Amino acid sequence: AVEPGSRLLEAGCGVGAASLAVAARAPGAHVVGVERDSDMAAFARENVAANAMGDRITIIEGDALDRRADWGVFDGVFVNPPFDMEGDGRAPAPVRRDSHIAEQPISAWVAALADRLKGGAALTMIHRAAKLAQILAALEGRLGGVEILPVRPRLAEPAKRVLVRARKGSRAPLVLLRGLDLHDSSGAKYTPEVDEILHGTAEIAWS
């Protein structure tokens, strides 16, 4: 649970959807969303205003990896970074390029965002399961107490995404959690667990 008065950072907030969702679930927290694309940042501000969240969410146009930026440190950082580097696979449409193609490797994201954490605070990242080895290598020596939550598209299928959480100053051993199934075996319905999360009656089980 997020403590009242917490400051949370979303690095690369896009149009602000995740920042809005987190703010709605953590009514005592203030969320700062940083987005370098000026159009995306403008849309994010519009979305914040449309949801009457202007006193709870601040959108900053800037580079989330800029260590010189005077944003201070946070009680938590969450990020859904671009999944691929140039040359990793099929190029996305130009309008989606910035959100899908990373200019910096995972290690650069982790290094910059680790510096934005207060002691004991957590970085939470979602990424492709195929990039897990790179994520763990980037966390080594920077953050500890790593928790890995595999996210499977449906029951009995391999995970395609992973949620990874790690804390500043923690020396706890790595924990691999049972994971989360998004849909039932037919793929037509959310699982009861996910349905409860989406309706705000449950949280992701980090245990």
Protein backbone atom coordinates (compact mmCIF):
# COMPACT_ATOMS: atom_id res chain seq x y z
CA ALA A 1 0.00 0.00 0.00
CA VAL A 2 1.15 3.54 -0.76
CA GLU A 3 1.53 5.72 2.32
CA PRO A 4 -0.36 9.05 2.46
CA GLY A 5 1.90 11.91 1.42
CA SER A 6 4.08 9.73 -0.83
CA ARG A 7 5.62 11.20 -3.97
CA LEU A 8 5.63 8.78 -6.89
CA LEU A 9 7.36 9.13 -10.26
CA GLU A 10 6.23 7.66 -13.55
CA ALA A 11 9.14 7.74 -15.98
CA GLY A 12 7.86 8.13 -19.52
CA CYS A 13 4.20 8.65 -18.69
CA GLY A 14 2.84 8.89 -22.25
CA VAL A 15 -0.71 10.25 -22.14
CA GLY A 16 -0.92 9.72 -18.39
CA ALA A 17 -3.06 6.58 -18.18
CA ALA A 18 -0.90 4.77 -15.63
CA SER A 19 -0.36 7.91 -13.55
CA LEU A 20 -4.13 8.40 -13.39
CA ALA A 21 -4.68 4.77 -12.39
CA VAL A 22 -2.07 4.93 -9.64
CA ALA A 23 -3.38 8.23 -8.30
CA ALA A 24 -6.91 6.80 -8.18
CA ARG A 25 -5.70 3.80 -6.17
CA ALA A 26 -3.47 5.82 -3.85
CA PRO A 27 -5.58 8.84 -2.83
CA GLY A 28 -2.99 10.19 -0.41
CA ALA A 29 -0.13 10.24 -2.91
CA HIS A 30 1.11 12.79 -5.44
CA VAL A 31 2.22 11.44 -8.81
CA VAL A 32 4.77 13.15 -11.04
CA GLY A 33 4.67 11.99 -14.66
CA VAL A 34 7.64 12.82 -16.89
CA GLU A 35 7.27 12.62 -20.67
CA ARG A 36 9.72 13.93 -23.26
CA ASP A 37 7.32 13.96 -26.21
CA SER A 38 5.62 17.35 -26.19
CA ASP A 39 2.39 16.11 -27.80
CA MET A 40 2.12 13.20 -25.37
CA ALA A 41 2.80 15.49 -22.42
CA ALA A 42 0.07 17.86 -23.62
CA PHE A 43 -2.40 14.98 -23.91
CA ALA A 44 -1.41 13.82 -20.44
CA ARG A 45 -2.15 17.27 -18.99
CA GLU A 46 -5.53 17.27 -20.74
CA ASN A 47 -6.33 13.84 -19.32
CA VAL A 48 -5.34 14.93 -15.83
CA ALA A 49 -7.56 18.00 -16.10
CA ALA A 50 -10.47 16.00 -17.54
CA ASN A 51 -10.28 13.67 -14.53
CA ALA A 52 -10.04 16.56 -12.04
CA MET A 53 -6.66 15.29 -10.84
CA GLY A 54 -4.70 18.50 -11.21
CA ASP A 55 -3.96 18.67 -7.49
CA ARG A 56 -2.78 15.06 -7.42
CA ILE A 57 -0.76 14.66 -10.61
CA THR A 58 1.95 16.87 -12.09
CA ILE A 59 3.01 16.32 -15.71
CA ILE A 60 6.52 17.46 -16.64
CA GLU A 61 7.80 17.63 -20.20
CA GLY A 62 11.34 16.33 -20.00
CA ASP A 63 13.67 13.35 -20.28
CA ALA A 64 13.01 10.89 -17.45
CA LEU A 65 16.66 9.79 -17.61
CA ASP A 66 18.06 13.32 -17.18
CA ARG A 67 20.01 13.10 -13.93
CA ARG A 68 20.51 16.88 -13.86
CA ALA A 69 16.78 17.59 -13.64
CA ASP A 70 15.76 18.99 -10.27
CA TRP A 71 12.85 16.69 -9.47
CA GLY A 72 14.17 15.38 -6.17
CA VAL A 73 13.79 11.81 -4.93
CA PHE A 74 10.64 9.74 -4.64
CA ASP A 75 8.93 7.17 -2.45
CA GLY A 76 8.42 4.98 -5.51
CA VAL A 77 9.15 4.95 -9.24
CA PHE A 78 7.22 3.02 -11.88
CA VAL A 79 8.03 2.64 -15.55
CA ASN A 80 6.85 0.93 -18.72
CA PRO A 81 9.87 1.67 -20.92
CA PRO A 82 10.11 1.16 -24.68
CA PHE A 83 10.52 -2.58 -25.11
CA ASP A 84 13.00 -2.73 -27.99
CA MET A 85 16.26 -1.19 -29.11
CA GLU A 86 16.87 -0.22 -32.73
CA GLY A 87 17.30 -3.40 -34.78
CA ASP A 88 15.57 -5.73 -32.31
CA GLY A 89 12.68 -6.49 -34.65
CA ARG A 90 10.08 -5.04 -36.98
CA ALA A 91 9.98 -1.26 -36.87
CA PRO A 92 6.75 0.22 -35.49
CA ALA A 93 4.72 2.88 -37.27
CA PRO A 94 6.41 6.31 -37.00
CA VAL A 95 3.67 7.69 -34.75
CA ARG A 96 4.36 4.90 -32.23
CA ARG A 97 8.14 4.88 -32.57
CA ASP A 98 9.08 6.85 -29.45
CA SER A 99 6.96 4.65 -27.21
CA HIS A 100 8.27 1.38 -28.68
CA ILE A 101 11.93 1.97 -29.60
CA ALA A 102 14.37 2.80 -26.80
CA GLU A 103 17.33 5.08 -27.41
CA GLN A 104 18.93 3.92 -24.15
CA PRO A 105 19.41 0.33 -22.91
CA ILE A 106 17.64 -1.07 -19.87
CA SER A 107 20.79 -0.51 -17.82
CA ALA A 108 20.56 3.26 -18.43
CA TRP A 109 16.92 3.33 -17.33
CA VAL A 110 17.68 1.43 -14.13
CA ALA A 111 20.76 3.50 -13.29
CA ALA A 112 18.97 6.82 -13.73
CA LEU A 113 15.79 5.81 -11.94
CA ALA A 114 17.62 4.17 -9.03
CA ASP A 115 19.06 7.61 -8.27
CA ARG A 116 15.49 8.96 -8.01
CA LEU A 117 14.59 6.60 -5.16
CA LYS A 118 14.67 7.33 -1.47
CA GLY A 119 16.27 4.68 0.72
CA GLY A 120 13.96 1.66 0.93
CA ALA A 121 11.81 2.87 -1.97
CA ALA A 122 11.00 0.59 -4.90
CA LEU A 123 11.40 0.73 -8.66
CA THR A 124 8.63 -1.18 -10.44
CA MET A 125 9.07 -2.02 -14.13
CA ILE A 126 7.03 -3.95 -16.67
CA HIS A 127 8.87 -5.39 -19.65
CA ARG A 128 9.06 -8.29 -22.05
CA ALA A 129 9.80 -11.60 -20.34
CA ALA A 130 12.56 -12.09 -22.91
CA LYS A 131 14.39 -9.09 -21.46
CA LEU A 132 14.45 -10.43 -17.87
CA ALA A 133 18.16 -11.32 -17.97
CA GLN A 134 19.01 -7.75 -19.03
CA ILE A 135 16.83 -6.33 -16.26
CA LEU A 136 18.46 -8.47 -13.58
CA ALA A 137 21.94 -7.57 -14.84
CA ALA A 138 21.02 -3.87 -14.71
CA LEU A 139 19.71 -4.19 -11.13
CA GLU A 140 22.84 -5.96 -9.89
CA GLY A 141 24.72 -3.74 -7.45
CA ARG A 142 22.11 -0.99 -7.64
CA LEU A 143 18.85 -2.31 -6.17
CA GLY A 144 18.01 -5.45 -4.20
CA GLY A 145 15.11 -7.44 -2.81
CA VAL A 146 14.11 -8.23 -6.38
CA GLU A 147 10.61 -9.62 -6.90
CA ILE A 148 9.60 -11.06 -10.27
CA LEU A 149 5.94 -11.50 -11.16
CA PRO A 150 5.41 -13.29 -14.50
CA VAL A 151 2.38 -12.09 -16.47
CA ARG A 152 0.77 -14.73 -18.68
CA PRO A 153 -1.72 -13.80 -21.44
CA ARG A 154 -3.95 -16.75 -20.49
CA LEU A 155 -4.00 -19.82 -18.27
CA ALA A 156 -1.28 -22.41 -18.94
CA GLU A 157 0.61 -20.20 -21.42
CA PRO A 158 4.19 -18.96 -20.99
CA ALA A 159 4.62 -15.47 -19.59
CA LYS A 160 5.13 -12.76 -22.20
CA ARG A 161 5.61 -9.92 -19.71
CA VAL A 162 7.22 -9.60 -16.31
CA LEU A 163 6.62 -7.14 -13.52
CA VAL A 164 9.88 -6.57 -11.66
CA ARG A 165 10.15 -4.70 -8.37
CA ALA A 166 13.40 -3.91 -6.55
CA ARG A 167 14.27 -1.72 -3.57
CA LYS A 168 17.05 0.71 -2.82
CA GLY A 169 19.26 -0.51 -0.01
CA SER A 170 17.65 -3.95 0.25
CA ARG A 171 19.76 -7.10 0.52
CA ALA A 172 16.83 -9.51 0.53
CA PRO A 173 17.13 -12.49 -1.83
CA LEU A 174 15.39 -12.62 -5.18
CA VAL A 175 11.82 -13.93 -5.12
CA LEU A 176 10.07 -15.49 -8.12
CA LEU A 177 6.31 -15.19 -7.60
CA ARG A 178 3.60 -17.47 -8.97
CA GLY A 179 2.55 -14.85 -11.48
CA LEU A 180 -0.66 -13.49 -12.93
CA ASP A 181 -2.92 -14.99 -15.61
CA LEU A 182 -4.73 -12.24 -17.51
CA HIS A 183 -7.38 -14.36 -19.24
CA ASP A 184 -9.00 -17.75 -18.78
CA SER A 185 -8.07 -20.69 -21.02
CA SER A 186 -10.49 -19.53 -23.73
CA GLY A 187 -8.90 -16.09 -23.85
CA ALA A 188 -12.37 -14.53 -23.86
CA LYS A 189 -12.67 -13.52 -20.20
CA TYR A 190 -10.41 -11.98 -17.61
CA THR A 191 -9.54 -14.27 -14.74
CA PRO A 192 -11.36 -13.44 -11.47
CA GLU A 193 -8.10 -12.12 -9.98
CA VAL A 194 -7.51 -9.70 -12.85
CA ASP A 195 -11.17 -8.67 -12.92
CA GLU A 196 -10.93 -7.67 -9.26
CA ILE A 197 -7.73 -5.72 -9.90
CA LEU A 198 -9.30 -3.85 -12.83
CA HIS A 199 -12.38 -2.99 -10.76
CA GLY A 200 -10.26 -1.70 -7.89
CA THR A 201 -11.38 -4.31 -5.36
CA ALA A 202 -7.98 -6.03 -5.20
CA GLU A 203 -4.31 -5.23 -5.74
CA ILE A 204 -1.57 -7.13 -7.53
CA ALA A 205 -0.37 -9.85 -5.14
CA TRP A 206 3.33 -9.31 -4.49
CA SER A 207 3.43 -12.45 -2.36
